[in-house]
Amino acid sequence: MFLKTLEKLMKERGLNKHTFSLQSGIPYKTIDNFWKKGYNNVKLGTLRKIAAFFGVSLDFLIFGEEREITLEQKLTIAFSKLNDTGKAKAIEYIDDLAENKKYISDQHAISNDITKKLNQEIRTYIK
């Protein structure tokens, strides 16, 4: 998909490999090798440079379309950047949010209410 997207972007701008190389600052040999040797070992820095040159995201460049990132994926990405102290603080903050009814989804709040009622009934039964 990468080559098809790259060819499409180059065609839209009227670029051949040579003019693309000159305008982007990416060596001609690098660009030509995408077609000759493949692009399995292309460097992330090169992909970023190409994406920036065409004003597209890496997702669009590689997959030919924008890909939606879920909130959970964004959280995972941000969490992975933290050191151990930051991760501990993030977990502490999430736990605090999960305790506050203002931030709990309605569905989860219902299950919490049911759990509380069951716990009360269990306590009554045990006494």
C-alpha atoms as a PDB file:
ATOM      1  CA  MET A   1       0.000   0.000   0.000  1.00  0.00           C
ATOM      2  CA  PHE A   2       2.909   2.358   0.760  1.00  0.00           C
ATOM      3  CA  LEU A   3       4.156   2.394  -2.853  1.00  0.00           C
ATOM      4  CA  LYS A   4       0.659   2.936  -4.252  1.00  0.00           C
ATOM      5  CA  THR A   5       0.115   5.856  -1.893  1.00  0.00           C
ATOM      6  CA  LEU A   6       3.533   7.306  -2.650  1.00  0.00           C
ATOM      7  CA  GLU A   7       2.967   6.998  -6.400  1.00  0.00           C
ATOM      8  CA  LYS A   8      -0.444   8.675  -6.052  1.00  0.00           C
ATOM      9  CA  LEU A   9       1.000  11.565  -4.021  1.00  0.00           C
ATOM     10  CA  MET A  10       3.859  12.029  -6.473  1.00  0.00           C
ATOM     11  CA  LYS A  11       1.475  11.953  -9.446  1.00  0.00           C
ATOM     12  CA  GLU A  12      -0.828  14.534  -7.807  1.00  0.00           C
ATOM     13  CA  ARG A  13       2.151  16.904  -7.542  1.00  0.00           C
ATOM     14  CA  GLY A  14       3.577  16.062 -10.949  1.00  0.00           C
ATOM     15  CA  LEU A  15       6.741  14.584  -9.464  1.00  0.00           C
ATOM     16  CA  ASN A  16       8.971  11.824 -10.745  1.00  0.00           C
ATOM     17  CA  LYS A  17      11.574  10.102  -8.562  1.00  0.00           C
ATOM     18  CA  HIS A  18      14.239  12.645  -9.470  1.00  0.00           C
ATOM     19  CA  THR A  19      12.187  15.787  -8.785  1.00  0.00           C
ATOM     20  CA  PHE A  20      10.774  14.236  -5.629  1.00  0.00           C
ATOM     21  CA  SER A  21      14.323  13.576  -4.425  1.00  0.00           C
ATOM     22  CA  LEU A  22      15.441  17.127  -5.176  1.00  0.00           C
ATOM     23  CA  GLN A  23      12.444  18.789  -3.543  1.00  0.00           C
ATOM     24  CA  SER A  24      12.211  16.524  -0.477  1.00  0.00           C
ATOM     25  CA  GLY A  25      15.924  16.206   0.242  1.00  0.00           C
ATOM     26  CA  ILE A  26      15.655  12.417   0.313  1.00  0.00           C
ATOM     27  CA  PRO A  27      18.459  10.762  -1.657  1.00  0.00           C
ATOM     28  CA  TYR A  28      17.402   9.524  -5.098  1.00  0.00           C
ATOM     29  CA  LYS A  29      18.878   6.089  -4.371  1.00  0.00           C
ATOM     30  CA  THR A  30      16.640   5.731  -1.300  1.00  0.00           C
ATOM     31  CA  ILE A  31      13.553   6.580  -3.322  1.00  0.00           C
ATOM     32  CA  ASP A  32      14.536   4.403  -6.285  1.00  0.00           C
ATOM     33  CA  ASN A  33      15.228   1.469  -3.954  1.00  0.00           C
ATOM     34  CA  PHE A  34      11.603   1.468  -2.803  1.00  0.00           C
ATOM     35  CA  TRP A  35      10.732   0.122  -6.254  1.00  0.00           C
ATOM     36  CA  LYS A  36      13.854  -1.971  -6.808  1.00  0.00           C
ATOM     37  CA  LYS A  37      14.459  -3.571  -3.409  1.00  0.00           C
ATOM     38  CA  GLY A  38      11.234  -2.943  -1.531  1.00  0.00           C
ATOM     39  CA  TYR A  39      10.572  -0.855   1.505  1.00  0.00           C
ATOM     40  CA  ASN A  40      10.616  -3.397   4.338  1.00  0.00           C
ATOM     41  CA  ASN A  41      13.686  -1.806   5.910  1.00  0.00           C
ATOM     42  CA  VAL A  42      12.775   1.826   5.361  1.00  0.00           C
ATOM     43  CA  LYS A  43      13.759   4.028   8.290  1.00  0.00           C
ATOM     44  CA  LEU A  44      11.075   5.719  10.351  1.00  0.00           C
ATOM     45  CA  GLY A  45      12.870   9.034   9.851  1.00  0.00           C
ATOM     46  CA  THR A  46      12.539   8.643   6.080  1.00  0.00           C
ATOM     47  CA  LEU A  47       8.826   7.861   6.369  1.00  0.00           C
ATOM     48  CA  ARG A  48       8.328  10.909   8.567  1.00  0.00           C
ATOM     49  CA  LYS A  49      10.191  13.089   6.081  1.00  0.00           C
ATOM     50  CA  ILE A  50       8.032  11.817   3.196  1.00  0.00           C
ATOM     51  CA  ALA A  51       4.816  12.283   5.190  1.00  0.00           C
ATOM     52  CA  ALA A  52       5.832  15.818   6.192  1.00  0.00           C
ATOM     53  CA  PHE A  53       6.786  16.668   2.601  1.00  0.00           C
ATOM     54  CA  PHE A  54       3.342  15.669   1.330  1.00  0.00           C
ATOM     55  CA  GLY A  55       1.511  16.999   4.398  1.00  0.00           C
ATOM     56  CA  VAL A  56      -0.041  13.655   5.293  1.00  0.00           C
ATOM     57  CA  SER A  57       0.028  11.468   8.388  1.00  0.00           C
ATOM     58  CA  LEU A  58       2.187   8.362   8.657  1.00  0.00           C
ATOM     59  CA  ASP A  59      -1.006   6.302   8.756  1.00  0.00           C
ATOM     60  CA  PHE A  60      -2.124   7.752   5.439  1.00  0.00           C
ATOM     61  CA  LEU A  61       1.291   7.266   3.875  1.00  0.00           C
ATOM     62  CA  ILE A  62       1.578   3.636   4.974  1.00  0.00           C
ATOM     63  CA  PHE A  63      -2.042   2.448   4.853  1.00  0.00           C
ATOM     64  CA  GLY A  64      -3.539   4.809   2.276  1.00  0.00           C
ATOM     65  CA  GLU A  65      -6.111   6.045   4.782  1.00  0.00           C
ATOM     66  CA  GLU A  66      -6.350   7.700   8.152  1.00  0.00           C
ATOM     67  CA  ARG A  67      -6.742   5.213  10.953  1.00  0.00           C
ATOM     68  CA  GLU A  68      -8.749   6.047  14.030  1.00  0.00           C
ATOM     69  CA  ILE A  69      -6.958   5.696  17.346  1.00  0.00           C
ATOM     70  CA  THR A  70      -9.204   4.710  20.230  1.00  0.00           C
ATOM     71  CA  LEU A  71      -9.075   6.496  23.548  1.00  0.00           C
ATOM     72  CA  GLU A  72      -7.661   3.329  25.104  1.00  0.00           C
ATOM     73  CA  GLN A  73      -4.851   3.284  22.533  1.00  0.00           C
ATOM     74  CA  LYS A  74      -4.075   6.955  23.200  1.00  0.00           C
ATOM     75  CA  LEU A  75      -3.977   6.210  26.918  1.00  0.00           C
ATOM     76  CA  THR A  76      -1.661   3.251  26.354  1.00  0.00           C
ATOM     77  CA  ILE A  77       0.673   5.323  24.187  1.00  0.00           C
ATOM     78  CA  ALA A  78       0.810   8.150  26.731  1.00  0.00           C
ATOM     79  CA  PHE A  79       1.259   5.677  29.619  1.00  0.00           C
ATOM     80  CA  SER A  80       4.162   3.944  27.855  1.00  0.00           C
ATOM     81  CA  LYS A  81       6.054   7.257  27.717  1.00  0.00           C
ATOM     82  CA  LEU A  82       6.013   7.641  31.498  1.00  0.00           C
ATOM     83  CA  ASN A  83       8.733   6.552  33.907  1.00  0.00           C
ATOM     84  CA  ASP A  84       7.823   4.386  36.925  1.00  0.00           C
ATOM     85  CA  THR A  85       6.974   7.399  39.085  1.00  0.00           C
ATOM     86  CA  GLY A  86       4.752   8.847  36.375  1.00  0.00           C
ATOM     87  CA  LYS A  87       3.019   5.503  35.863  1.00  0.00           C
ATOM     88  CA  ALA A  88       2.299   5.231  39.584  1.00  0.00           C
ATOM     89  CA  LYS A  89       0.843   8.769  39.587  1.00  0.00           C
ATOM     90  CA  ALA A  90      -1.273   8.012  36.503  1.00  0.00           C
ATOM     91  CA  ILE A  91      -2.725   4.901  38.129  1.00  0.00           C
ATOM     92  CA  GLU A  92      -3.411   6.862  41.315  1.00  0.00           C
ATOM     93  CA  TYR A  93      -5.169   9.578  39.317  1.00  0.00           C
ATOM     94  CA  ILE A  94      -7.265   7.054  37.358  1.00  0.00           C
ATOM     95  CA  ASP A  95      -8.261   5.322  40.598  1.00  0.00           C
ATOM     96  CA  ASP A  96      -9.370   8.683  42.013  1.00  0.00           C
ATOM     97  CA  LEU A  97     -11.414   9.422  38.891  1.00  0.00           C
ATOM     98  CA  ALA A  98     -13.006   5.976  39.004  1.00  0.00           C
ATOM     99  CA  GLU A  99     -14.177   6.688  42.564  1.00  0.00           C
ATOM    100  CA  ASN A 100     -15.883   9.950  41.564  1.00  0.00           C
ATOM    101  CA  LYS A 101     -19.460   9.514  40.272  1.00  0.00           C
ATOM    102  CA  LYS A 102     -18.979  12.575  38.073  1.00  0.00           C
ATOM    103  CA  TYR A 103     -16.549  10.619  35.860  1.00  0.00           C
ATOM    104  CA  ILE A 104     -18.105   7.137  35.900  1.00  0.00           C
ATOM    105  CA  SER A 105     -20.162   5.987  32.916  1.00  0.00           C
ATOM    106  CA  ASP A 106     -23.848   5.351  33.619  1.00  0.00           C
ATOM    107  CA  GLN A 107     -23.525   1.655  32.845  1.00  0.00           C
ATOM    108  CA  HIS A 108     -20.632   1.253  35.258  1.00  0.00           C
ATOM    109  CA  ALA A 109     -22.402   3.308  37.923  1.00  0.00           C
ATOM    110  CA  ILE A 110     -25.363   0.910  37.766  1.00  0.00           C
ATOM    111  CA  SER A 111     -23.098  -2.102  38.270  1.00  0.00           C
ATOM    112  CA  ASN A 112     -21.457  -0.302  41.222  1.00  0.00           C
ATOM    113  CA  ASP A 113     -24.886   0.307  42.779  1.00  0.00           C
ATOM    114  CA  ILE A 114     -25.810  -3.353  42.332  1.00  0.00           C
ATOM    115  CA  THR A 115     -22.502  -4.407  43.900  1.00  0.00           C
ATOM    116  CA  LYS A 116     -23.109  -2.115  46.885  1.00  0.00           C
ATOM    117  CA  LYS A 117     -26.623  -3.518  47.393  1.00  0.00           C
ATOM    118  CA  LEU A 118     -25.347  -7.077  47.180  1.00  0.00           C
ATOM    119  CA  ASN A 119     -22.617  -6.297  49.702  1.00  0.00           C
ATOM    120  CA  GLN A 120     -25.221  -4.825  52.062  1.00  0.00           C
ATOM    121  CA  GLU A 121     -27.401  -7.912  51.719  1.00  0.00           C
ATOM    122  CA  ILE A 122     -24.423 -10.175  52.326  1.00  0.00           C
ATOM    123  CA  ARG A 123     -23.497  -8.220  55.473  1.00  0.00           C
ATOM    124  CA  THR A 124     -27.076  -8.479  56.716  1.00  0.00           C
ATOM    125  CA  TYR A 125     -27.149 -12.204  56.023  1.00  0.00           C
ATOM    126  CA  ILE A 126     -23.822 -12.792  57.796  1.00  0.00           C
ATOM    127  CA  LYS A 127     -24.966 -10.942  60.975  1.00  0.00           C
END
